[in-house]
Amino acid sequence: MSVTIPKETFSFLNKLAKNNNRDWFNERKPEFKAIEAKVKSAYNHLGELMAAHDQIEKIKIFRIYRDVRFSKNKLPYKTHFGGSFTRKKPELRGGYYLHIQPNNESFIAAGFWEPNKEDLLRVRKEFEMDDSEMRAILNNKTFSETWGNFVGDELKTAPKGFDKAHPAIDLIRKKQYIFIKKYSDKEVLQDDFLENVNDAFKKIRPYFDYMSDVLTTNLNGESLL
């Protein structure tokens, strides 16, 4: 029997969105815990599938409770499930994320969400020197049909020390290097959803291999490990 996202996940999260308060949630906590256990099982199963083609160091499934201390939004609960899959450091770079949310808001993501300033500068310097390998990955049909192009934050102009007229400025000015693939509710609830996600994660590998090589070497190609 295949491991799936339970069908009751979306109905519960939709009800939670309309009743986002502690009294309502606490009365239905046993129902939530039963759903959460099945969702965690699905994330862990996906991690097992991924282990066949990557070295996953850590699976982190985020709690339903929101940290409202520094937020204007004081609603206590998230209305989605999220979990990350961390690759083995320091030689393997990049990370994976699975987001489960009703009303066709589910998605997977892969890449670099918050690169530190050293890694960001190293990647930008690589693109300044030679962007041909990255372009080849982006233009590969198998890759682009699954992942499309980069999404995420970017500067409006060139970062300090870079030429705003450089041919690779579209890559250089990015602050995040991530890809996103969206899923409908119907797709998420299909029996082969986790297998499809795993297949998509497999197809990100040329990008991860390239970025791991960049981030573990200097501009002369000498290993930093």
N, C-alpha and C. Protein backbone atom coordinates (compact mmCIF):
# COMPACT_ATOMS: atom_id res chain seq x y z
N MET A 1 0.85 -1.20 0.00
CA MET A 1 0.00 0.00 0.00
C MET A 1 0.88 1.25 0.00
N SER A 2 0.59 2.18 -0.91
CA SER A 2 1.44 3.36 -1.03
C SER A 2 1.17 4.35 0.10
N VAL A 3 2.22 5.11 0.46
CA VAL A 3 2.08 6.15 1.48
C VAL A 3 1.61 7.42 0.79
N THR A 4 0.57 8.04 1.33
CA THR A 4 -0.04 9.21 0.69
C THR A 4 -0.29 10.33 1.69
N ILE A 5 -0.59 11.51 1.16
CA ILE A 5 -1.10 12.60 2.00
C ILE A 5 -2.56 12.30 2.29
N PRO A 6 -2.97 12.20 3.56
CA PRO A 6 -4.36 11.83 3.86
C PRO A 6 -5.35 12.87 3.35
N LYS A 7 -6.47 12.39 2.84
CA LYS A 7 -7.47 13.27 2.23
C LYS A 7 -8.05 14.26 3.24
N GLU A 8 -8.10 13.87 4.50
CA GLU A 8 -8.68 14.76 5.50
C GLU A 8 -7.78 15.96 5.84
N THR A 9 -6.54 15.96 5.34
CA THR A 9 -5.61 17.05 5.61
C THR A 9 -6.18 18.39 5.16
N PHE A 10 -6.65 18.45 3.92
CA PHE A 10 -7.12 19.71 3.38
C PHE A 10 -8.38 20.19 4.07
N SER A 11 -9.30 19.28 4.37
CA SER A 11 -10.54 19.72 5.02
C SER A 11 -10.25 20.27 6.42
N PHE A 12 -9.32 19.62 7.14
CA PHE A 12 -8.97 20.12 8.47
C PHE A 12 -8.31 21.49 8.37
N LEU A 13 -7.37 21.66 7.46
CA LEU A 13 -6.67 22.95 7.34
C LEU A 13 -7.61 24.06 6.90
N ASN A 14 -8.58 23.74 6.06
CA ASN A 14 -9.58 24.74 5.66
C ASN A 14 -10.43 25.17 6.86
N LYS A 15 -10.81 24.21 7.68
CA LYS A 15 -11.60 24.55 8.88
C LYS A 15 -10.75 25.36 9.87
N LEU A 16 -9.47 25.01 9.97
CA LEU A 16 -8.57 25.74 10.85
C LEU A 16 -8.42 27.20 10.40
N ALA A 17 -8.37 27.41 9.09
CA ALA A 17 -8.25 28.78 8.56
C ALA A 17 -9.44 29.65 8.96
N LYS A 18 -10.60 29.02 9.12
CA LYS A 18 -11.81 29.76 9.49
C LYS A 18 -11.99 29.86 11.00
N ASN A 19 -11.23 29.04 11.74
CA ASN A 19 -11.36 28.99 13.21
C ASN A 19 -9.98 29.01 13.86
N ASN A 20 -9.17 29.98 13.48
CA ASN A 20 -7.78 29.99 13.92
C ASN A 20 -7.67 30.58 15.33
N ASN A 21 -8.08 29.76 16.29
CA ASN A 21 -8.00 30.17 17.70
C ASN A 21 -7.73 28.93 18.56
N ARG A 22 -7.24 29.17 19.74
CA ARG A 22 -6.78 28.06 20.59
C ARG A 22 -7.92 27.18 21.08
N ASP A 23 -9.05 27.78 21.38
CA ASP A 23 -10.18 26.98 21.88
C ASP A 23 -10.63 25.97 20.84
N TRP A 24 -10.82 26.44 19.62
CA TRP A 24 -11.27 25.53 18.54
C TRP A 24 -10.23 24.44 18.31
N PHE A 25 -8.96 24.83 18.26
CA PHE A 25 -7.90 23.86 17.97
C PHE A 25 -7.77 22.83 19.09
N ASN A 26 -7.78 23.30 20.32
CA ASN A 26 -7.60 22.38 21.45
C ASN A 26 -8.72 21.34 21.53
N GLU A 27 -9.93 21.73 21.15
CA GLU A 27 -11.04 20.78 21.15
C GLU A 27 -10.86 19.68 20.10
N ARG A 28 -10.10 20.01 19.06
CA ARG A 28 -9.91 19.07 17.95
C ARG A 28 -8.47 18.58 17.84
N LYS A 29 -7.74 18.73 18.93
CA LYS A 29 -6.33 18.34 18.90
C LYS A 29 -6.12 16.86 18.60
N PRO A 30 -6.94 15.95 19.14
CA PRO A 30 -6.76 14.53 18.77
C PRO A 30 -6.90 14.30 17.26
N GLU A 31 -7.87 14.99 16.64
CA GLU A 31 -8.05 14.87 15.19
C GLU A 31 -6.80 15.38 14.46
N PHE A 32 -6.30 16.54 14.93
CA PHE A 32 -5.09 17.10 14.31
C PHE A 32 -3.90 16.16 14.46
N LYS A 33 -3.69 15.60 15.66
CA LYS A 33 -2.54 14.74 15.91
C LYS A 33 -2.57 13.49 15.03
N ALA A 34 -3.78 12.98 14.76
CA ALA A 34 -3.91 11.80 13.90
C ALA A 34 -3.53 12.15 12.46
N ILE A 35 -3.95 13.33 11.99
CA ILE A 35 -3.59 13.78 10.64
C ILE A 35 -2.10 14.06 10.57
N GLU A 36 -1.59 14.75 11.59
CA GLU A 36 -0.17 15.10 11.61
C GLU A 36 0.71 13.85 11.54
N ALA A 37 0.33 12.80 12.25
CA ALA A 37 1.11 11.56 12.24
C ALA A 37 1.19 10.97 10.83
N LYS A 38 0.08 11.01 10.11
CA LYS A 38 0.06 10.50 8.73
C LYS A 38 0.89 11.38 7.81
N VAL A 39 0.80 12.70 8.00
CA VAL A 39 1.58 13.63 7.17
C VAL A 39 3.08 13.44 7.43
N LYS A 40 3.46 13.28 8.70
CA LYS A 40 4.86 13.04 9.03
C LYS A 40 5.35 11.74 8.39
N SER A 41 4.50 10.73 8.39
CA SER A 41 4.85 9.46 7.74
C SER A 41 5.11 9.67 6.25
N ALA A 42 4.30 10.54 5.63
CA ALA A 42 4.49 10.83 4.20
C ALA A 42 5.81 11.54 3.95
N TYR A 43 6.15 12.52 4.79
CA TYR A 43 7.42 13.22 4.64
C TYR A 43 8.60 12.26 4.82
N ASN A 44 8.51 11.41 5.81
CA ASN A 44 9.60 10.46 6.04
C ASN A 44 9.72 9.45 4.91
N HIS A 45 8.58 9.06 4.35
CA HIS A 45 8.61 8.16 3.20
C HIS A 45 9.28 8.84 2.01
N LEU A 46 8.96 10.11 1.79
CA LEU A 46 9.62 10.85 0.71
C LEU A 46 11.13 10.89 0.95
N GLY A 47 11.53 11.09 2.20
CA GLY A 47 12.96 11.09 2.53
C GLY A 47 13.62 9.77 2.19
N GLU A 48 12.90 8.68 2.41
CA GLU A 48 13.43 7.35 2.06
C GLU A 48 13.58 7.21 0.55
N LEU A 49 12.62 7.72 -0.21
CA LEU A 49 12.73 7.68 -1.67
C LEU A 49 13.93 8.51 -2.14
N MET A 50 14.12 9.66 -1.53
CA MET A 50 15.21 10.55 -1.93
C MET A 50 16.58 9.97 -1.59
N ALA A 51 16.62 9.15 -0.54
CA ALA A 51 17.90 8.57 -0.11
C ALA A 51 18.49 7.65 -1.18
N ALA A 52 17.67 7.22 -2.13
CA ALA A 52 18.17 6.37 -3.21
C ALA A 52 19.01 7.15 -4.22
N HIS A 53 18.86 8.48 -4.25
CA HIS A 53 19.61 9.27 -5.25
C HIS A 53 20.32 10.48 -4.65
N ASP A 54 20.20 10.69 -3.34
CA ASP A 54 20.90 11.80 -2.70
C ASP A 54 21.21 11.43 -1.25
N GLN A 55 22.10 12.20 -0.63
CA GLN A 55 22.44 11.96 0.78
C GLN A 55 21.72 13.02 1.62
N ILE A 56 20.61 12.59 2.24
CA ILE A 56 19.81 13.50 3.05
C ILE A 56 20.26 13.39 4.50
N GLU A 57 20.74 14.49 5.03
CA GLU A 57 21.31 14.52 6.37
C GLU A 57 20.23 14.71 7.44
N LYS A 58 19.16 15.45 7.07
CA LYS A 58 18.16 15.78 8.08
C LYS A 58 16.81 16.06 7.42
N ILE A 59 15.74 15.54 8.03
CA ILE A 59 14.37 15.88 7.63
C ILE A 59 13.76 16.65 8.78
N LYS A 60 13.26 17.85 8.49
CA LYS A 60 12.65 18.67 9.52
C LYS A 60 11.22 19.00 9.12
N ILE A 61 10.25 18.55 9.90
CA ILE A 61 8.85 18.84 9.66
C ILE A 61 8.44 19.94 10.64
N PHE A 62 8.02 21.06 10.11
CA PHE A 62 7.78 22.24 10.95
C PHE A 62 6.49 22.12 11.74
N ARG A 63 6.50 22.68 12.93
CA ARG A 63 5.34 22.63 13.83
C ARG A 63 4.21 23.51 13.30
N ILE A 64 3.00 23.18 13.71
CA ILE A 64 1.81 23.92 13.28
C ILE A 64 1.70 25.28 13.98
N TYR A 65 2.41 25.42 15.10
CA TYR A 65 2.30 26.64 15.90
C TYR A 65 3.13 27.77 15.29
N ARG A 66 2.51 28.94 15.14
CA ARG A 66 3.21 30.10 14.60
C ARG A 66 3.97 30.82 15.72
N ASP A 67 5.12 31.41 15.38
CA ASP A 67 5.84 32.27 16.30
C ASP A 67 5.31 33.69 16.08
N VAL A 68 4.47 34.15 17.00
CA VAL A 68 3.80 35.44 16.80
C VAL A 68 4.50 36.59 17.55
N ARG A 69 5.63 36.31 18.17
CA ARG A 69 6.28 37.33 19.02
C ARG A 69 6.61 38.61 18.27
N PHE A 70 7.08 38.48 17.03
CA PHE A 70 7.52 39.66 16.28
C PHE A 70 6.66 39.88 15.03
N SER A 71 5.46 39.35 15.05
CA SER A 71 4.59 39.42 13.87
C SER A 71 3.32 40.22 14.19
N LYS A 72 2.88 41.01 13.22
CA LYS A 72 1.60 41.73 13.37
C LYS A 72 0.44 40.75 13.29
N ASN A 73 0.67 39.63 12.59
CA ASN A 73 -0.34 38.58 12.48
C ASN A 73 -0.27 37.71 13.73
N LYS A 74 -1.28 37.81 14.58
CA LYS A 74 -1.27 37.10 15.86
C LYS A 74 -2.05 35.79 15.83
N LEU A 75 -2.47 35.33 14.65
CA LEU A 75 -3.14 34.04 14.57
C LEU A 75 -2.18 32.95 15.03
N PRO A 76 -2.63 32.05 15.90
CA PRO A 76 -1.69 31.12 16.56
C PRO A 76 -1.22 29.94 15.71
N TYR A 77 -1.96 29.61 14.61
CA TYR A 77 -1.64 28.37 13.90
C TYR A 77 -1.39 28.62 12.41
N LYS A 78 -0.46 27.86 11.87
CA LYS A 78 -0.25 27.83 10.42
C LYS A 78 -1.42 27.07 9.79
N THR A 79 -1.70 27.37 8.54
CA THR A 79 -2.76 26.66 7.83
C THR A 79 -2.16 25.82 6.70
N HIS A 80 -0.97 25.31 6.98
CA HIS A 80 -0.29 24.42 6.02
C HIS A 80 0.66 23.52 6.79
N PHE A 81 1.15 22.50 6.10
CA PHE A 81 2.27 21.69 6.60
C PHE A 81 3.49 22.00 5.75
N GLY A 82 4.65 22.03 6.39
CA GLY A 82 5.89 22.26 5.65
C GLY A 82 7.01 21.41 6.21
N GLY A 83 7.92 21.03 5.35
CA GLY A 83 9.06 20.24 5.80
C GLY A 83 10.24 20.39 4.87
N SER A 84 11.44 20.38 5.43
CA SER A 84 12.66 20.54 4.63
C SER A 84 13.51 19.28 4.69
N PHE A 85 14.33 19.13 3.65
CA PHE A 85 15.23 17.99 3.51
C PHE A 85 16.63 18.54 3.25
N THR A 86 17.53 18.36 4.21
CA THR A 86 18.86 18.94 4.14
C THR A 86 19.86 17.93 3.59
N ARG A 87 20.68 18.37 2.65
CA ARG A 87 21.70 17.50 2.07
C ARG A 87 22.94 17.45 2.97
N LYS A 88 23.75 16.43 2.78
CA LYS A 88 24.94 16.21 3.63
C LYS A 88 25.97 17.32 3.41
N LYS A 89 26.28 18.01 4.49
CA LYS A 89 27.26 19.10 4.45
C LYS A 89 28.64 18.58 4.84
N PRO A 90 29.75 19.21 4.42
CA PRO A 90 29.78 20.45 3.64
C PRO A 90 29.85 20.24 2.13
N GLU A 91 29.98 18.99 1.69
CA GLU A 91 30.26 18.78 0.27
C GLU A 91 29.04 18.90 -0.63
N LEU A 92 27.84 18.66 -0.06
CA LEU A 92 26.62 18.73 -0.86
C LEU A 92 25.81 19.96 -0.45
N ARG A 93 25.52 20.82 -1.41
CA ARG A 93 24.84 22.08 -1.10
C ARG A 93 23.43 22.10 -1.69
N GLY A 94 22.62 22.99 -1.13
CA GLY A 94 21.23 23.11 -1.57
C GLY A 94 20.30 22.34 -0.66
N GLY A 95 19.01 22.68 -0.74
CA GLY A 95 18.01 22.01 0.09
C GLY A 95 16.69 21.87 -0.63
N TYR A 96 15.87 20.97 -0.10
CA TYR A 96 14.55 20.69 -0.67
C TYR A 96 13.46 21.08 0.34
N TYR A 97 12.27 21.40 -0.17
CA TYR A 97 11.16 21.77 0.71
C TYR A 97 9.85 21.29 0.09
N LEU A 98 8.96 20.78 0.95
CA LEU A 98 7.62 20.35 0.53
C LEU A 98 6.59 21.09 1.36
N HIS A 99 5.65 21.76 0.69
CA HIS A 99 4.63 22.59 1.31
C HIS A 99 3.26 22.05 0.94
N ILE A 100 2.46 21.70 1.94
CA ILE A 100 1.12 21.14 1.71
C ILE A 100 0.09 22.13 2.24
N GLN A 101 -0.72 22.68 1.33
CA GLN A 101 -1.70 23.69 1.69
C GLN A 101 -2.91 23.59 0.76
N PRO A 102 -4.13 23.67 1.32
CA PRO A 102 -5.32 23.52 0.47
C PRO A 102 -5.52 24.69 -0.48
N ASN A 103 -6.52 24.52 -1.35
CA ASN A 103 -6.89 25.53 -2.35
C ASN A 103 -5.79 25.75 -3.37
N ASN A 104 -5.14 24.62 -3.74
CA ASN A 104 -4.13 24.59 -4.80
C ASN A 104 -2.90 25.45 -4.49
N GLU A 105 -2.57 25.52 -3.20
CA GLU A 105 -1.42 26.33 -2.77
C GLU A 105 -0.21 25.45 -2.41
N SER A 106 -0.27 24.16 -2.70
CA SER A 106 0.86 23.27 -2.40
C SER A 106 1.98 23.46 -3.42
N PHE A 107 3.21 23.25 -2.97
CA PHE A 107 4.34 23.37 -3.90
C PHE A 107 5.56 22.66 -3.32
N ILE A 108 6.51 22.41 -4.20
CA ILE A 108 7.84 21.98 -3.76
C ILE A 108 8.83 23.05 -4.19
N ALA A 109 9.93 23.13 -3.47
CA ALA A 109 10.97 24.10 -3.79
C ALA A 109 12.32 23.45 -3.61
N ALA A 110 13.30 23.98 -4.32
CA ALA A 110 14.67 23.46 -4.21
C ALA A 110 15.64 24.58 -4.50
N GLY A 111 16.75 24.58 -3.78
CA GLY A 111 17.76 25.58 -4.06
C GLY A 111 18.35 26.19 -2.81
N PHE A 112 18.53 27.52 -2.87
CA PHE A 112 19.23 28.27 -1.83
C PHE A 112 18.35 29.45 -1.41
N TRP A 113 17.70 29.32 -0.23
CA TRP A 113 16.75 30.33 0.25
C TRP A 113 17.46 31.55 0.80
N GLU A 114 18.40 31.32 1.69
CA GLU A 114 19.09 32.43 2.36
C GLU A 114 20.60 32.17 2.35
N PRO A 115 21.22 32.23 1.16
CA PRO A 115 22.67 32.00 1.13
C PRO A 115 23.41 33.04 1.97
N ASN A 116 24.42 32.60 2.72
CA ASN A 116 25.20 33.57 3.49
C ASN A 116 25.99 34.46 2.53
N LYS A 117 26.50 35.56 3.03
CA LYS A 117 27.11 36.56 2.13
C LYS A 117 28.33 36.02 1.40
N GLU A 118 29.06 35.09 2.04
CA GLU A 118 30.23 34.50 1.39
C GLU A 118 29.81 33.61 0.21
N ASP A 119 28.81 32.78 0.43
CA ASP A 119 28.32 31.91 -0.65
C ASP A 119 27.70 32.74 -1.77
N LEU A 120 26.95 33.77 -1.41
CA LEU A 120 26.31 34.61 -2.41
C LEU A 120 27.35 35.30 -3.29
N LEU A 121 28.40 35.82 -2.67
CA LEU A 121 29.46 36.46 -3.44
C LEU A 121 30.17 35.45 -4.33
N ARG A 122 30.42 34.26 -3.81
CA ARG A 122 31.11 33.22 -4.61
C ARG A 122 30.30 32.86 -5.85
N VAL A 123 28.99 32.70 -5.68
CA VAL A 123 28.12 32.35 -6.82
C VAL A 123 28.10 33.50 -7.82
N ARG A 124 27.95 34.71 -7.33
CA ARG A 124 27.94 35.87 -8.24
C ARG A 124 29.24 36.00 -9.02
N LYS A 125 30.36 35.76 -8.35
CA LYS A 125 31.67 35.83 -9.02
C LYS A 125 31.78 34.75 -10.10
N GLU A 126 31.20 33.58 -9.81
CA GLU A 126 31.22 32.50 -10.80
C GLU A 126 30.44 32.91 -12.04
N PHE A 127 29.27 33.48 -11.84
CA PHE A 127 28.45 33.91 -12.99
C PHE A 127 29.12 35.06 -13.74
N GLU A 128 29.83 35.90 -13.00
CA GLU A 128 30.55 37.01 -13.65
C GLU A 128 31.65 36.46 -14.55
N MET A 129 32.29 35.40 -14.10
CA MET A 129 33.40 34.81 -14.84
C MET A 129 32.91 33.94 -15.99
N ASP A 130 31.86 33.12 -15.73
CA ASP A 130 31.36 32.19 -16.76
C ASP A 130 29.97 31.71 -16.35
N ASP A 131 28.97 32.11 -17.12
CA ASP A 131 27.61 31.69 -16.81
C ASP A 131 27.11 30.58 -17.74
N SER A 132 28.00 30.03 -18.57
CA SER A 132 27.57 29.09 -19.61
C SER A 132 27.01 27.80 -19.02
N GLU A 133 27.62 27.27 -17.96
CA GLU A 133 27.12 26.02 -17.36
C GLU A 133 25.72 26.21 -16.77
N MET A 134 25.52 27.35 -16.10
CA MET A 134 24.21 27.62 -15.52
C MET A 134 23.17 27.79 -16.61
N ARG A 135 23.51 28.47 -17.70
CA ARG A 135 22.58 28.64 -18.82
C ARG A 135 22.22 27.29 -19.44
N ALA A 136 23.20 26.42 -19.54
CA ALA A 136 22.95 25.10 -20.13
C ALA A 136 21.96 24.30 -19.28
N ILE A 137 22.09 24.41 -17.96
CA ILE A 137 21.16 23.72 -17.06
C ILE A 137 19.75 24.30 -17.22
N LEU A 138 19.64 25.63 -17.22
CA LEU A 138 18.34 26.29 -17.34
C LEU A 138 17.67 25.99 -18.67
N ASN A 139 18.46 25.82 -19.71
CA ASN A 139 17.92 25.60 -21.05
C ASN A 139 17.67 24.13 -21.39
N ASN A 140 18.10 23.23 -20.49
CA ASN A 140 17.87 21.81 -20.72
C ASN A 140 16.37 21.52 -20.65
N LYS A 141 15.85 20.86 -21.66
CA LYS A 141 14.39 20.67 -21.76
C LYS A 141 13.82 19.88 -20.58
N THR A 142 14.49 18.79 -20.20
CA THR A 142 14.00 17.97 -19.09
C THR A 142 13.93 18.78 -17.81
N PHE A 143 14.96 19.60 -17.60
CA PHE A 143 15.01 20.44 -16.40
C PHE A 143 13.94 21.53 -16.45
N SER A 144 13.89 22.27 -17.56
CA SER A 144 13.00 23.43 -17.64
C SER A 144 11.53 23.05 -17.63
N GLU A 145 11.19 21.88 -18.20
CA GLU A 145 9.79 21.46 -18.20
C GLU A 145 9.28 21.15 -16.80
N THR A 146 10.19 20.75 -15.91
CA THR A 146 9.81 20.46 -14.53
C THR A 146 9.91 21.70 -13.64
N TRP A 147 11.00 22.46 -13.77
CA TRP A 147 11.30 23.50 -12.80
C TRP A 147 11.20 24.93 -13.32
N GLY A 148 11.17 25.11 -14.63
CA GLY A 148 11.08 26.47 -15.16
C GLY A 148 12.35 27.27 -14.88
N ASN A 149 12.19 28.51 -14.42
CA ASN A 149 13.34 29.39 -14.18
C ASN A 149 13.40 29.77 -12.70
N PHE A 150 14.48 30.47 -12.34
CA PHE A 150 14.64 30.93 -10.97
C PHE A 150 13.46 31.79 -10.52
N VAL A 151 13.12 31.67 -9.23
CA VAL A 151 12.20 32.60 -8.58
C VAL A 151 12.91 33.12 -7.34
N GLY A 152 12.31 34.13 -6.70
CA GLY A 152 12.92 34.64 -5.48
C GLY A 152 13.31 36.10 -5.58
N ASP A 153 13.86 36.60 -4.48
CA ASP A 153 14.21 38.02 -4.39
C ASP A 153 15.46 38.34 -5.21
N GLU A 154 15.49 39.57 -5.72
CA GLU A 154 16.67 40.03 -6.44
C GLU A 154 16.81 41.54 -6.29
N LEU A 155 18.01 42.04 -6.52
CA LEU A 155 18.25 43.48 -6.49
C LEU A 155 17.69 44.12 -7.76
N LYS A 156 17.34 45.40 -7.67
CA LYS A 156 16.86 46.12 -8.85
C LYS A 156 18.00 46.49 -9.79
N THR A 157 19.19 46.58 -9.23
CA THR A 157 20.36 46.92 -10.03
C THR A 157 21.50 45.97 -9.68
N ALA A 158 22.70 46.30 -10.10
CA ALA A 158 23.85 45.42 -9.85
C ALA A 158 24.30 45.49 -8.40
N PRO A 159 24.74 44.37 -7.83
CA PRO A 159 25.36 44.43 -6.49
C PRO A 159 26.64 45.26 -6.55
N LYS A 160 27.05 45.73 -5.41
CA LYS A 160 28.27 46.54 -5.32
C LYS A 160 29.46 45.77 -5.88
N GLY A 161 30.20 46.42 -6.78
CA GLY A 161 31.39 45.81 -7.35
C GLY A 161 31.15 45.06 -8.65
N PHE A 162 29.89 45.03 -9.11
CA PHE A 162 29.56 44.33 -10.35
C PHE A 162 29.03 45.33 -11.39
N ASP A 163 29.29 45.04 -12.65
CA ASP A 163 28.89 45.90 -13.75
C ASP A 163 27.41 45.65 -14.09
N LYS A 164 26.59 46.71 -14.04
CA LYS A 164 25.16 46.54 -14.32
C LYS A 164 24.89 46.19 -15.78
N ALA A 165 25.91 46.35 -16.64
CA ALA A 165 25.76 45.99 -18.05
C ALA A 165 26.32 44.60 -18.36
N HIS A 166 26.74 43.86 -17.33
CA HIS A 166 27.31 42.54 -17.56
C HIS A 166 26.25 41.62 -18.18
N PRO A 167 26.64 40.78 -19.15
CA PRO A 167 25.66 39.89 -19.80
C PRO A 167 24.94 38.94 -18.83
N ALA A 168 25.55 38.65 -17.70
CA ALA A 168 24.93 37.74 -16.73
C ALA A 168 24.31 38.48 -15.55
N ILE A 169 24.02 39.76 -15.72
CA ILE A 169 23.50 40.54 -14.59
C ILE A 169 22.16 40.01 -14.09
N ASP A 170 21.38 39.34 -14.96
CA ASP A 170 20.10 38.77 -14.52
C ASP A 170 20.32 37.68 -13.47
N LEU A 171 21.46 36.98 -13.56
CA LEU A 171 21.81 35.96 -12.56
C LEU A 171 22.52 36.58 -11.36
N ILE A 172 23.39 37.55 -11.63
CA ILE A 172 24.23 38.14 -10.59
C ILE A 172 23.41 38.91 -9.56
N ARG A 173 22.34 39.56 -9.99
CA ARG A 173 21.60 40.42 -9.06
C ARG A 173 20.64 39.65 -8.15
N LYS A 174 20.50 38.36 -8.35
CA LYS A 174 19.60 37.58 -7.50
C LYS A 174 20.15 37.45 -6.09
N LYS A 175 19.23 37.47 -5.12
CA LYS A 175 19.59 37.26 -3.71
C LYS A 175 19.25 35.86 -3.24
N GLN A 176 18.40 35.17 -4.01
CA GLN A 176 18.03 33.77 -3.75
C GLN A 176 18.16 33.01 -5.07
N TYR A 177 18.50 31.74 -4.96
CA TYR A 177 18.60 30.89 -6.16
C TYR A 177 17.72 29.66 -5.95
N ILE A 178 16.42 29.87 -6.13
CA ILE A 178 15.46 28.80 -5.85
C ILE A 178 14.54 28.54 -7.05
N PHE A 179 14.03 27.33 -7.07
CA PHE A 179 13.04 26.90 -8.07
C PHE A 179 11.81 26.40 -7.33
N ILE A 180 10.64 26.61 -7.92
CA ILE A 180 9.38 26.18 -7.31
C ILE A 180 8.52 25.46 -8.35
N LYS A 181 7.87 24.39 -7.91
CA LYS A 181 6.92 23.67 -8.75
C LYS A 181 5.62 23.54 -7.95
N LYS A 182 4.51 23.99 -8.53
CA LYS A 182 3.22 24.01 -7.84
C LYS A 182 2.40 22.76 -8.14
N TYR A 183 1.51 22.43 -7.20
CA TYR A 183 0.63 21.27 -7.35
C TYR A 183 -0.80 21.64 -6.97
N SER A 184 -1.75 21.06 -7.67
CA SER A 184 -3.17 21.23 -7.32
C SER A 184 -3.53 20.28 -6.18
N ASP A 185 -4.66 20.56 -5.53
CA ASP A 185 -5.13 19.66 -4.46
C ASP A 185 -5.32 18.25 -5.00
N LYS A 186 -5.87 18.15 -6.20
CA LYS A 186 -6.11 16.84 -6.80
C LYS A 186 -4.80 16.07 -6.97
N GLU A 187 -3.75 16.75 -7.43
CA GLU A 187 -2.45 16.09 -7.63
C GLU A 187 -1.86 15.63 -6.30
N VAL A 188 -2.00 16.46 -5.26
CA VAL A 188 -1.43 16.13 -3.95
C VAL A 188 -2.07 14.87 -3.38
N LEU A 189 -3.35 14.67 -3.64
CA LEU A 189 -4.08 13.55 -3.05
C LEU A 189 -3.99 12.28 -3.88
N GLN A 190 -3.31 12.32 -5.01
CA GLN A 190 -3.16 11.11 -5.82
C GLN A 190 -2.19 10.14 -5.15
N ASP A 191 -2.38 8.87 -5.43
CA ASP A 191 -1.57 7.83 -4.79
C ASP A 191 -0.09 7.95 -5.11
N ASP A 192 0.24 8.49 -6.28
CA ASP A 192 1.65 8.55 -6.69
C ASP A 192 2.27 9.94 -6.48
N PHE A 193 1.63 10.78 -5.65
CA PHE A 193 2.13 12.14 -5.46
C PHE A 193 3.58 12.16 -4.96
N LEU A 194 3.89 11.39 -3.93
CA LEU A 194 5.25 11.41 -3.36
C LEU A 194 6.27 10.90 -4.36
N GLU A 195 5.88 9.93 -5.18
CA GLU A 195 6.79 9.43 -6.23
C GLU A 195 7.04 10.53 -7.27
N ASN A 196 5.99 11.31 -7.59
CA ASN A 196 6.15 12.41 -8.54
C ASN A 196 7.05 13.51 -7.98
N VAL A 197 6.89 13.80 -6.69
CA VAL A 197 7.76 14.79 -6.05
C VAL A 197 9.20 14.30 -6.07
N ASN A 198 9.40 13.05 -5.73
CA ASN A 198 10.75 12.48 -5.74
C ASN A 198 11.37 12.56 -7.13
N ASP A 199 10.58 12.29 -8.15
CA ASP A 199 11.07 12.38 -9.53
C ASP A 199 11.48 13.80 -9.87
N ALA A 200 10.68 14.79 -9.44
CA ALA A 200 11.02 16.19 -9.67
C ALA A 200 12.32 16.55 -8.95
N PHE A 201 12.47 16.07 -7.72
CA PHE A 201 13.70 16.35 -6.97
C PHE A 201 14.92 15.71 -7.65
N LYS A 202 14.73 14.56 -8.25
CA LYS A 202 15.83 13.95 -9.01
C LYS A 202 16.31 14.87 -10.13
N LYS A 203 15.36 15.55 -10.76
CA LYS A 203 15.68 16.38 -11.93
C LYS A 203 16.35 17.70 -11.57
N ILE A 204 16.38 18.04 -10.29
CA ILE A 204 17.09 19.25 -9.86
C ILE A 204 18.59 18.97 -9.72
N ARG A 205 18.96 17.70 -9.77
CA ARG A 205 20.33 17.30 -9.43
C ARG A 205 21.42 17.98 -10.26
N PRO A 206 21.27 18.18 -11.58
CA PRO A 206 22.35 18.87 -12.30
C PRO A 206 22.65 20.25 -11.72
N TYR A 207 21.62 20.94 -11.28
CA TYR A 207 21.80 22.26 -10.66
C TYR A 207 22.52 22.14 -9.33
N PHE A 208 22.12 21.18 -8.50
CA PHE A 208 22.77 21.00 -7.21
C PHE A 208 24.23 20.56 -7.38
N ASP A 209 24.49 19.69 -8.35
CA ASP A 209 25.88 19.26 -8.59
C ASP A 209 26.74 20.45 -8.98
N TYR A 210 26.21 21.29 -9.85
CA TYR A 210 26.94 22.48 -10.30
C TYR A 210 27.21 23.43 -9.13
N MET A 211 26.17 23.77 -8.37
CA MET A 211 26.33 24.72 -7.27
C MET A 211 27.22 24.16 -6.16
N SER A 212 27.13 22.86 -5.92
CA SER A 212 28.00 22.25 -4.91
C SER A 212 29.46 22.36 -5.34
N ASP A 213 29.73 22.17 -6.63
CA ASP A 213 31.09 22.30 -7.14
C ASP A 213 31.58 23.74 -6.98
N VAL A 214 30.72 24.71 -7.32
CA VAL A 214 31.09 26.12 -7.20
C VAL A 214 31.39 26.47 -5.74
N LEU A 215 30.53 26.05 -4.83
CA LEU A 215 30.63 26.48 -3.44
C LEU A 215 31.66 25.70 -2.62
N THR A 216 32.26 24.69 -3.21
CA THR A 216 33.33 23.96 -2.50
C THR A 216 34.69 24.16 -3.17
N THR A 217 34.76 25.13 -4.09
CA THR A 217 36.03 25.46 -4.75
C THR A 217 36.19 26.98 -4.79
N ASN A 218 37.44 27.42 -5.02
CA ASN A 218 37.65 28.85 -5.23
C ASN A 218 37.53 29.15 -6.73
N LEU A 219 37.78 30.40 -7.10
CA LEU A 219 37.61 30.81 -8.50
C LEU A 219 38.62 30.13 -9.44
N ASN A 220 39.67 29.55 -8.87
CA ASN A 220 40.64 28.80 -9.67
C ASN A 220 40.26 27.33 -9.78
N GLY A 221 39.14 26.94 -9.16
CA GLY A 221 38.70 25.56 -9.22
C GLY A 221 39.36 24.66 -8.20
N GLU A 222 40.09 25.25 -7.23
CA GLU A 222 40.79 24.47 -6.19
C GLU A 222 39.84 24.19 -5.02
N SER A 223 39.86 22.96 -4.54
CA SER A 223 38.94 22.55 -3.48
C SER A 223 39.16 23.32 -2.20
N LEU A 224 38.06 23.69 -1.55
CA LEU A 224 38.12 24.37 -0.25
C LEU A 224 37.85 23.41 0.90
N LEU A 225 37.58 22.16 0.59
CA LEU A 225 37.25 21.18 1.64
C LEU A 225 38.52 20.56 2.23
